[in-house]
């Protein structure tokens, strides 16, 4: 078996106080315990709230971009190895996870952990709401105004104004201009 590369090294303290962001707008609130890694690849708009103990884990390449007027609840984990773009006026509930990488399958000769890292971006358009504890997996694109139910696992793209829930997330309905549409 090939010798694994030196995988385990620190990326620093993660303190937002020491961060040198790629861009940061006015009125960005970091609550206690927020951790930020590779801040040079993070771009933050204006009027953003980032809740207690959230981790913004950028990567040495690709970007984590968060648009104006976005609210991110406590204990979220945004891992942007493949890139994450979050639009404006987005609500992200507590405990949400966004993952943009996974280990590819390379047969049984080497452990999965040492397989090549596959990257796929996440895009969340304007006006979306992601419920508490939801998970958004690599390569997912949420159209404008999508609502994701609490605890959902989003594995594929979701069309604009859809309401999804479940594991895996499925479309429950499409939001109507004047309230819920009838089934």
Protein backbone atom coordinates (compact mmCIF):
# COMPACT_ATOMS: atom_id res chain seq x y z
CA UNK A 1 0.00 0.00 0.00
CA UNK A 2 1.37 3.46 -0.84
CA UNK A 3 2.43 5.63 2.03
CA UNK A 4 -0.24 8.28 2.73
CA UNK A 5 0.76 11.90 2.32
CA UNK A 6 1.17 14.08 5.35
CA UNK A 7 -2.53 14.84 5.78
CA UNK A 8 -2.70 16.20 9.25
CA UNK A 9 -1.65 19.80 9.73
CA UNK A 10 -3.29 22.76 11.33
CA UNK A 11 -4.81 25.53 9.24
CA UNK A 12 -4.45 28.01 12.10
CA UNK A 13 -6.68 29.15 14.93
CA UNK A 14 -9.63 30.04 12.71
CA UNK A 15 -10.29 33.22 14.67
CA UNK A 16 -12.20 35.81 12.58
CA UNK A 17 -10.22 38.49 14.45
CA UNK A 18 -7.05 37.41 12.63
CA UNK A 19 -8.75 36.88 9.27
CA UNK A 20 -7.79 38.77 6.14
CA UNK A 21 -10.88 38.35 4.00
CA UNK A 22 -10.88 38.51 0.22
CA UNK A 23 -13.68 41.06 0.70
CA UNK A 24 -15.91 42.07 3.61
CA UNK A 25 -18.81 44.53 3.58
CA UNK A 26 -20.21 46.65 6.39
CA UNK A 27 -22.25 45.30 9.30
CA UNK A 28 -20.96 41.73 9.27
CA UNK A 29 -21.59 40.15 12.68
CA UNK A 30 -19.52 37.20 13.92
CA UNK A 31 -20.96 35.71 17.10
CA UNK A 32 -18.74 34.05 19.72
CA UNK A 33 -16.96 30.88 18.65
CA UNK A 34 -17.16 31.45 14.89
CA UNK A 35 -14.15 29.92 13.15
CA UNK A 36 -12.82 31.04 9.76
CA UNK A 37 -10.21 29.22 7.66
CA UNK A 38 -8.52 30.44 4.46
CA UNK A 39 -10.21 33.82 4.85
CA UNK A 40 -8.37 35.10 1.78
CA UNK A 41 -10.84 33.00 -0.26
CA UNK A 42 -13.94 34.29 1.52
CA UNK A 43 -15.97 37.23 0.20
CA UNK A 44 -18.71 38.62 2.42
CA UNK A 45 -21.33 41.18 1.39
CA UNK A 46 -23.12 43.62 3.72
CA UNK A 47 -25.52 42.99 6.61
CA UNK A 48 -24.50 39.40 7.26
CA UNK A 49 -25.07 37.57 10.54
CA UNK A 50 -22.98 34.49 11.36
CA UNK A 51 -24.19 32.59 14.40
CA UNK A 52 -22.32 31.15 17.37
CA UNK A 53 -19.83 28.34 16.71
CA UNK A 54 -20.30 28.35 12.93
CA UNK A 55 -17.33 27.22 10.84
CA UNK A 56 -16.57 28.93 7.53
CA UNK A 57 -13.99 26.59 6.06
CA UNK A 58 -12.70 27.94 2.80
CA UNK A 59 -9.95 26.11 0.94
CA UNK A 60 -6.67 27.07 -0.65
CA UNK A 61 -8.53 27.35 -3.98
CA UNK A 62 -12.11 28.22 -4.97
CA UNK A 63 -14.23 30.76 -3.13
CA UNK A 64 -16.83 31.01 -0.40
CA UNK A 65 -19.06 33.97 -1.34
CA UNK A 66 -21.96 35.15 0.82
CA UNK A 67 -24.35 37.82 -0.49
CA UNK A 68 -25.94 40.80 1.26
CA UNK A 69 -28.58 40.43 3.98
CA UNK A 70 -27.83 36.76 4.66
CA UNK A 71 -28.46 35.16 8.04
CA UNK A 72 -26.51 32.04 9.08
CA UNK A 73 -27.61 30.30 12.28
CA UNK A 74 -25.42 28.85 14.98
CA UNK A 75 -23.30 25.72 14.59
CA UNK A 76 -23.34 25.66 10.79
CA UNK A 77 -20.50 24.13 8.77
CA UNK A 78 -19.74 25.50 5.31
CA UNK A 79 -16.85 23.64 3.64
CA UNK A 80 -16.06 25.31 0.34
CA UNK A 81 -13.25 23.22 -1.14
CA UNK A 82 -15.27 23.07 -4.38
CA UNK A 83 -16.65 26.58 -3.98
CA UNK A 84 -19.86 27.94 -2.46
CA UNK A 85 -21.85 30.91 -3.75
CA UNK A 86 -24.72 32.09 -1.55
CA UNK A 87 -26.95 34.82 -2.96
CA UNK A 88 -28.71 37.72 -1.22
CA UNK A 89 -31.47 37.55 1.39
CA UNK A 90 -30.76 33.92 2.26
CA UNK A 91 -31.66 32.34 5.59
CA UNK A 92 -29.59 29.37 6.74
CA UNK A 93 -30.93 27.65 9.86
CA UNK A 94 -28.87 26.42 12.80
CA UNK A 95 -26.82 23.28 12.23
CA UNK A 96 -26.89 23.36 8.42
CA UNK A 97 -24.02 21.58 6.64
CA UNK A 98 -22.77 22.42 3.14
CA UNK A 99 -20.14 20.12 1.69
CA UNK A 100 -18.40 20.57 -1.67
CA UNK A 101 -15.94 17.69 -1.66
CA UNK A 102 -15.80 13.94 -1.22
CA UNK A 103 -13.21 11.20 -1.63
CA UNK A 104 -13.48 9.43 -4.96
CA UNK A 105 -13.54 5.68 -5.27
CA UNK A 106 -10.22 4.26 -6.39
CA UNK A 107 -10.71 0.56 -5.75
CA UNK A 108 -9.81 -1.42 -2.66
CA UNK A 109 -6.02 -1.07 -2.92
CA UNK A 110 -6.00 2.18 -0.95
CA UNK A 111 -8.23 3.40 1.88
CA UNK A 112 -11.03 5.76 0.82
CA UNK A 113 -9.54 8.43 3.08
CA UNK A 114 -6.43 8.57 0.87
CA UNK A 115 -8.35 8.67 -2.42
CA UNK A 116 -8.38 11.75 -4.60
CA UNK A 117 -10.54 14.59 -3.38
CA UNK A 118 -13.41 15.27 -5.81
CA UNK A 119 -14.74 18.85 -5.82
CA UNK A 120 -18.17 20.13 -6.89
CA UNK A 121 -19.54 23.64 -6.17
CA UNK A 122 -22.74 24.58 -4.37
CA UNK A 123 -24.80 27.54 -5.62
CA UNK A 124 -27.66 29.00 -3.61
CA UNK A 125 -29.52 31.74 -5.44
CA UNK A 126 -31.21 34.77 -3.85
CA UNK A 127 -34.15 34.54 -1.42
CA UNK A 128 -33.67 30.89 -0.36
CA UNK A 129 -34.36 29.50 3.11
CA UNK A 130 -32.58 26.39 4.38
CA UNK A 131 -34.12 24.73 7.44
CA UNK A 132 -32.41 23.69 10.64
CA UNK A 133 -30.07 20.71 10.32
CA UNK A 134 -30.36 20.40 6.53
CA UNK A 135 -27.41 19.06 4.53
CA UNK A 136 -26.54 20.32 1.06
CA UNK A 137 -24.21 17.95 -0.81
CA UNK A 138 -21.54 18.64 -3.47
CA UNK A 139 -22.67 19.97 -6.84
CA UNK A 140 -26.15 21.14 -5.77
CA UNK A 141 -27.73 24.27 -7.26
CA UNK A 142 -30.73 25.78 -5.45
CA UNK A 143 -32.77 28.09 -7.68
CA UNK A 144 -34.15 31.44 -6.50
CA UNK A 145 -36.62 31.30 -3.62
CA UNK A 146 -36.14 27.60 -2.77
CA UNK A 147 -37.27 26.50 0.68
CA UNK A 148 -35.50 23.47 2.18
CA UNK A 149 -37.19 21.70 5.09
CA UNK A 150 -35.50 21.02 8.41
CA UNK A 151 -33.28 17.93 8.36
CA UNK A 152 -33.48 17.49 4.58
CA UNK A 153 -30.55 16.05 2.65
CA UNK A 154 -30.33 17.85 -0.70
CA UNK A 155 -28.57 15.59 -3.23
CA UNK A 156 -29.57 17.22 -6.55
CA UNK A 157 -30.48 20.57 -8.08
CA UNK A 158 -33.77 22.20 -7.04
CA UNK A 159 -35.78 24.44 -9.39
CA UNK A 160 -36.70 28.00 -8.41
CA UNK A 161 -39.48 28.48 -5.83
CA UNK A 162 -39.67 24.77 -4.99
CA UNK A 163 -40.27 23.53 -1.45
CA UNK A 164 -38.27 20.37 -0.68
CA UNK A 165 -37.99 18.10 2.35
CA UNK A 166 -36.93 14.60 3.29
CA UNK A 167 -34.00 12.24 2.88
CA UNK A 168 -33.19 12.50 0.08
CA UNK A 169 -34.99 15.80 -0.44
CA UNK A 170 -37.94 15.67 -2.83
CA UNK A 171 -40.17 18.44 -4.14
CA UNK A 172 -43.35 18.87 -2.07
CA UNK A 173 -44.77 21.78 -4.01
CA UNK A 174 -43.88 24.96 -5.88
CA UNK A 175 -44.42 28.24 -4.10
CA UNK A 176 -47.17 30.32 -5.68
CA UNK A 177 -47.12 34.08 -6.15
CA UNK A 178 -49.90 34.56 -3.57
CA UNK A 179 -49.16 31.76 -1.11
CA UNK A 180 -49.15 27.96 -1.23
CA UNK A 181 -50.37 26.26 -4.37
CA UNK A 182 -52.99 23.55 -4.09
CA UNK A 183 -51.80 19.97 -4.53
